[in-house]
Amino acid sequence: MSRGNVAGLPQGAYRLYHPEAVSQALDEMAVRLTEAVGSCQPLVLVVLTGGLYTGAWLTQRLPFALEIDFIRVSRYRSGTESGQLEWLLKPRTSPAGRTVVLIDDVWDEGMTMAHLKQWLTGEGAQQVLSTVLVWKSPVTHSLGSSGPDIYGLRAGHEWLLGCGLDLDGQWRHLPAIYALSEIEPLRPAGRDSR
């Protein structure tokens, strides 16, 4: 696979999906999402920061009324034990009685989405659908989630860049998806290394 024409990509990066493949996957996701929730005017919650691009690109393809809000959580911030969410931004729109579509960039272990689904259900959401651009190879965990409700592309357990996916906060803006054969974190001068 090609490295692509992106200057400065980390050593070992190769293009996994071209922009055209990403666009086609988003088109197909939009069709499936329209079939699932098109008549109920859902609340779309974009999971920041990774879901920003998928959220924007996917909602542009949806031919029905919807409401958009944002949600931001971290599982690892400030040494938080994996699996416990730290809220950085809760949605301003109530999910009570609504069909909610959660949009993120990647389903890795699925724990963040599983926790968000539980929270939204507890807040009174009628239905919650998880939607991601990339579903990595299935991983089982204690919350019992088997995978996203709607996804566009599949990948293994490589580290991914582009389309919202990052390495040390960089490369989210790329229109293609790249994989890294090895991870060597970037640490720009002045950046906290924790």
Protein backbone atom coordinates (compact mmCIF):
# COMPACT_ATOMS: atom_id res chain seq x y z
CA MET A 1 0.00 0.00 0.00
CA SER A 2 1.11 3.50 -0.75
CA ARG A 3 2.43 6.03 1.75
CA GLY A 4 0.51 8.71 -0.16
CA ASN A 5 1.60 12.28 -0.85
CA VAL A 6 1.61 13.59 2.71
CA ALA A 7 4.84 15.20 3.86
CA GLY A 8 6.09 14.35 7.31
CA LEU A 9 4.00 11.27 8.05
CA PRO A 10 5.53 9.18 10.83
CA GLN A 11 8.01 6.48 9.83
CA GLY A 12 6.22 3.28 8.79
CA ALA A 13 2.89 4.95 7.92
CA TYR A 14 1.05 3.57 4.91
CA ARG A 15 -2.30 4.45 3.37
CA LEU A 16 -4.98 1.96 4.38
CA TYR A 17 -7.99 3.70 2.78
CA HIS A 18 -7.98 6.33 0.01
CA PRO A 19 -10.30 9.35 0.35
CA GLU A 20 -12.60 7.77 -2.25
CA ALA A 21 -13.02 4.65 -0.11
CA VAL A 22 -13.77 6.82 2.93
CA SER A 23 -16.37 8.77 0.93
CA GLN A 24 -18.02 5.59 -0.34
CA ALA A 25 -18.14 4.17 3.21
CA LEU A 26 -19.81 7.36 4.44
CA ASP A 27 -22.37 7.15 1.61
CA GLU A 28 -23.22 3.58 2.64
CA MET A 29 -23.41 4.54 6.33
CA ALA A 30 -25.84 7.34 5.44
CA VAL A 31 -28.12 4.88 3.64
CA ARG A 32 -28.13 2.48 6.61
CA LEU A 33 -28.69 5.30 9.09
CA THR A 34 -31.53 6.73 7.01
CA GLU A 35 -33.19 3.31 6.97
CA ALA A 36 -32.75 2.99 10.74
CA VAL A 37 -33.84 6.42 11.99
CA GLY A 38 -34.82 8.67 9.10
CA SER A 39 -38.40 9.27 10.13
CA CYS A 40 -37.86 10.11 13.82
CA GLN A 41 -35.78 13.31 13.72
CA PRO A 42 -32.96 11.94 15.92
CA LEU A 43 -30.59 13.72 18.23
CA VAL A 44 -27.09 13.27 16.78
CA LEU A 45 -24.33 13.42 19.39
CA VAL A 46 -20.86 13.80 17.93
CA VAL A 47 -18.16 12.43 20.22
CA LEU A 48 -15.36 14.99 20.27
CA THR A 49 -12.61 15.27 19.24
CA GLY A 50 -12.22 12.20 17.06
CA GLY A 51 -15.80 12.13 15.79
CA LEU A 52 -15.67 15.70 14.46
CA TYR A 53 -14.88 14.76 10.86
CA THR A 54 -17.09 11.67 10.70
CA GLY A 55 -19.93 13.66 12.26
CA ALA A 56 -19.65 16.52 9.77
CA TRP A 57 -19.22 14.30 6.71
CA LEU A 58 -21.96 11.84 7.67
CA THR A 59 -24.63 14.36 8.66
CA GLN A 60 -24.14 16.22 5.36
CA ARG A 61 -25.31 13.05 3.63
CA LEU A 62 -28.49 12.58 5.70
CA PRO A 63 -31.72 13.60 3.90
CA PHE A 64 -33.88 14.09 7.00
CA ALA A 65 -34.36 16.50 9.89
CA LEU A 66 -32.05 16.03 12.85
CA GLU A 67 -30.60 17.92 15.79
CA ILE A 68 -26.84 18.00 16.44
CA ASP A 69 -25.07 18.33 19.78
CA PHE A 70 -21.68 17.31 21.12
CA ILE A 71 -20.30 15.12 23.86
CA ARG A 72 -16.71 14.84 25.06
CA VAL A 73 -15.28 12.31 27.48
CA SER A 74 -11.90 10.81 28.29
CA ARG A 75 -10.99 7.43 29.71
CA TYR A 76 -7.31 8.20 30.30
CA ARG A 77 -7.09 11.89 31.25
CA SER A 78 -5.17 12.72 34.43
CA GLY A 79 -4.38 9.07 35.09
CA THR A 80 -8.02 8.00 35.20
CA GLU A 81 -8.22 4.22 35.25
CA SER A 82 -9.23 2.73 31.93
CA GLY A 83 -12.97 2.15 31.75
CA GLN A 84 -13.96 5.14 33.90
CA LEU A 85 -15.18 8.16 32.01
CA GLU A 86 -14.22 11.69 32.86
CA TRP A 87 -16.77 14.14 31.49
CA LEU A 88 -15.28 17.06 29.58
CA LEU A 89 -18.51 18.20 27.87
CA LYS A 90 -22.04 16.95 28.36
CA PRO A 91 -24.65 17.63 25.67
CA ARG A 92 -26.90 20.63 26.25
CA THR A 93 -29.81 18.85 24.57
CA SER A 94 -31.73 16.34 26.68
CA PRO A 95 -31.83 12.81 25.22
CA ALA A 96 -35.02 11.97 27.14
CA GLY A 97 -37.58 10.29 24.87
CA ARG A 98 -35.32 10.67 21.83
CA THR A 99 -33.61 8.38 19.36
CA VAL A 100 -29.93 9.24 19.76
CA VAL A 101 -27.21 8.60 17.18
CA LEU A 102 -23.70 8.61 18.67
CA ILE A 103 -21.03 9.34 16.05
CA ASP A 104 -17.32 8.71 16.62
CA ASP A 105 -14.25 8.00 14.51
CA VAL A 106 -13.31 4.50 15.65
CA TRP A 107 -14.60 1.52 17.61
CA ASP A 108 -11.56 0.01 19.24
CA GLU A 109 -12.51 -1.74 22.48
CA GLY A 110 -15.96 -0.17 22.41
CA MET A 111 -15.87 0.76 26.10
CA THR A 112 -16.41 4.50 25.59
CA MET A 113 -19.47 3.90 23.39
CA ALA A 114 -20.82 1.29 25.79
CA HIS A 115 -20.53 3.71 28.72
CA LEU A 116 -22.13 6.51 26.70
CA LYS A 117 -25.02 4.25 25.68
CA GLN A 118 -25.59 3.32 29.33
CA TRP A 119 -25.53 6.98 30.39
CA LEU A 120 -27.92 8.04 27.60
CA THR A 121 -30.33 5.21 28.44
CA GLY A 122 -30.19 6.30 32.07
CA GLU A 123 -31.02 9.84 30.94
CA GLY A 124 -34.16 8.54 29.25
CA ALA A 125 -33.09 8.04 25.62
CA GLN A 126 -35.62 5.87 23.81
CA GLN A 127 -33.02 4.30 21.49
CA VAL A 128 -29.24 4.78 21.11
CA LEU A 129 -27.34 3.81 17.96
CA SER A 130 -23.54 3.76 17.83
CA THR A 131 -22.04 4.89 14.52
CA VAL A 132 -18.32 4.87 13.72
CA LEU A 133 -16.24 5.30 10.59
CA VAL A 134 -13.80 2.48 11.46
CA TRP A 135 -14.45 -0.71 13.38
CA LYS A 136 -11.24 -2.42 14.47
CA SER A 137 -11.12 -6.19 14.90
CA PRO A 138 -13.60 -7.24 17.59
CA VAL A 139 -12.47 -7.11 21.21
CA THR A 140 -14.67 -8.44 23.99
CA HIS A 141 -15.02 -6.66 27.30
CA SER A 142 -17.11 -6.85 30.45
CA LEU A 143 -19.87 -4.56 29.16
CA GLY A 144 -20.82 -7.19 26.59
CA SER A 145 -21.10 -4.90 23.57
CA SER A 146 -20.58 -6.80 20.34
CA GLY A 147 -19.75 -3.87 18.06
CA PRO A 148 -21.12 -0.68 16.58
CA ASP A 149 -24.64 -0.53 15.18
CA ILE A 150 -23.40 1.16 11.99
CA TYR A 151 -19.84 1.34 10.69
CA GLY A 152 -18.11 2.17 7.44
CA LEU A 153 -14.69 0.50 7.28
CA ARG A 154 -12.84 -2.35 9.01
CA ALA A 155 -9.26 -2.40 10.27
CA GLY A 156 -6.95 -4.53 12.35
CA HIS A 157 -5.28 -3.30 15.51
CA GLU A 158 -2.78 -0.99 13.81
CA TRP A 159 -2.57 2.60 15.02
CA LEU A 160 -4.63 4.71 12.59
CA LEU A 161 -4.30 8.32 11.43
CA GLY A 162 -6.59 10.62 9.45
CA CYS A 163 -10.35 11.19 9.26
CA GLY A 164 -10.40 12.17 12.95
CA LEU A 165 -7.88 9.55 14.11
CA ASP A 166 -4.68 10.95 15.57
CA LEU A 167 -1.22 10.32 16.93
CA ASP A 168 -0.41 12.70 19.78
CA GLY A 169 -3.10 15.11 18.57
CA GLN A 170 -1.77 15.30 15.01
CA TRP A 171 -2.97 14.06 11.59
CA ARG A 172 -6.73 14.10 12.32
CA HIS A 173 -7.27 16.39 9.32
CA LEU A 174 -6.09 13.93 6.64
CA PRO A 175 -8.85 12.86 4.19
CA ALA A 176 -7.42 9.32 3.91
CA ILE A 177 -6.78 6.75 6.65
CA TYR A 178 -3.20 5.70 7.32
CA ALA A 179 -1.91 2.86 9.48
CA LEU A 180 1.36 2.68 11.36
CA SER A 181 3.41 -0.47 11.44
CA GLU A 182 5.07 0.77 14.67
CA ILE A 183 4.21 3.62 17.03
CA GLU A 184 6.83 6.15 18.01
CA PRO A 185 4.92 8.97 19.75
CA LEU A 186 5.64 12.50 18.62
CA ARG A 187 6.65 14.92 21.37
CA PRO A 188 6.94 18.46 20.02
CA ALA A 189 9.04 20.86 22.08
CA GLY A 190 7.10 22.32 24.96
CA ARG A 191 4.43 19.63 24.96
CA ASP A 192 3.67 17.77 28.17
CA SER A 193 4.92 14.19 27.81
CA ARG A 194 2.49 12.69 30.34
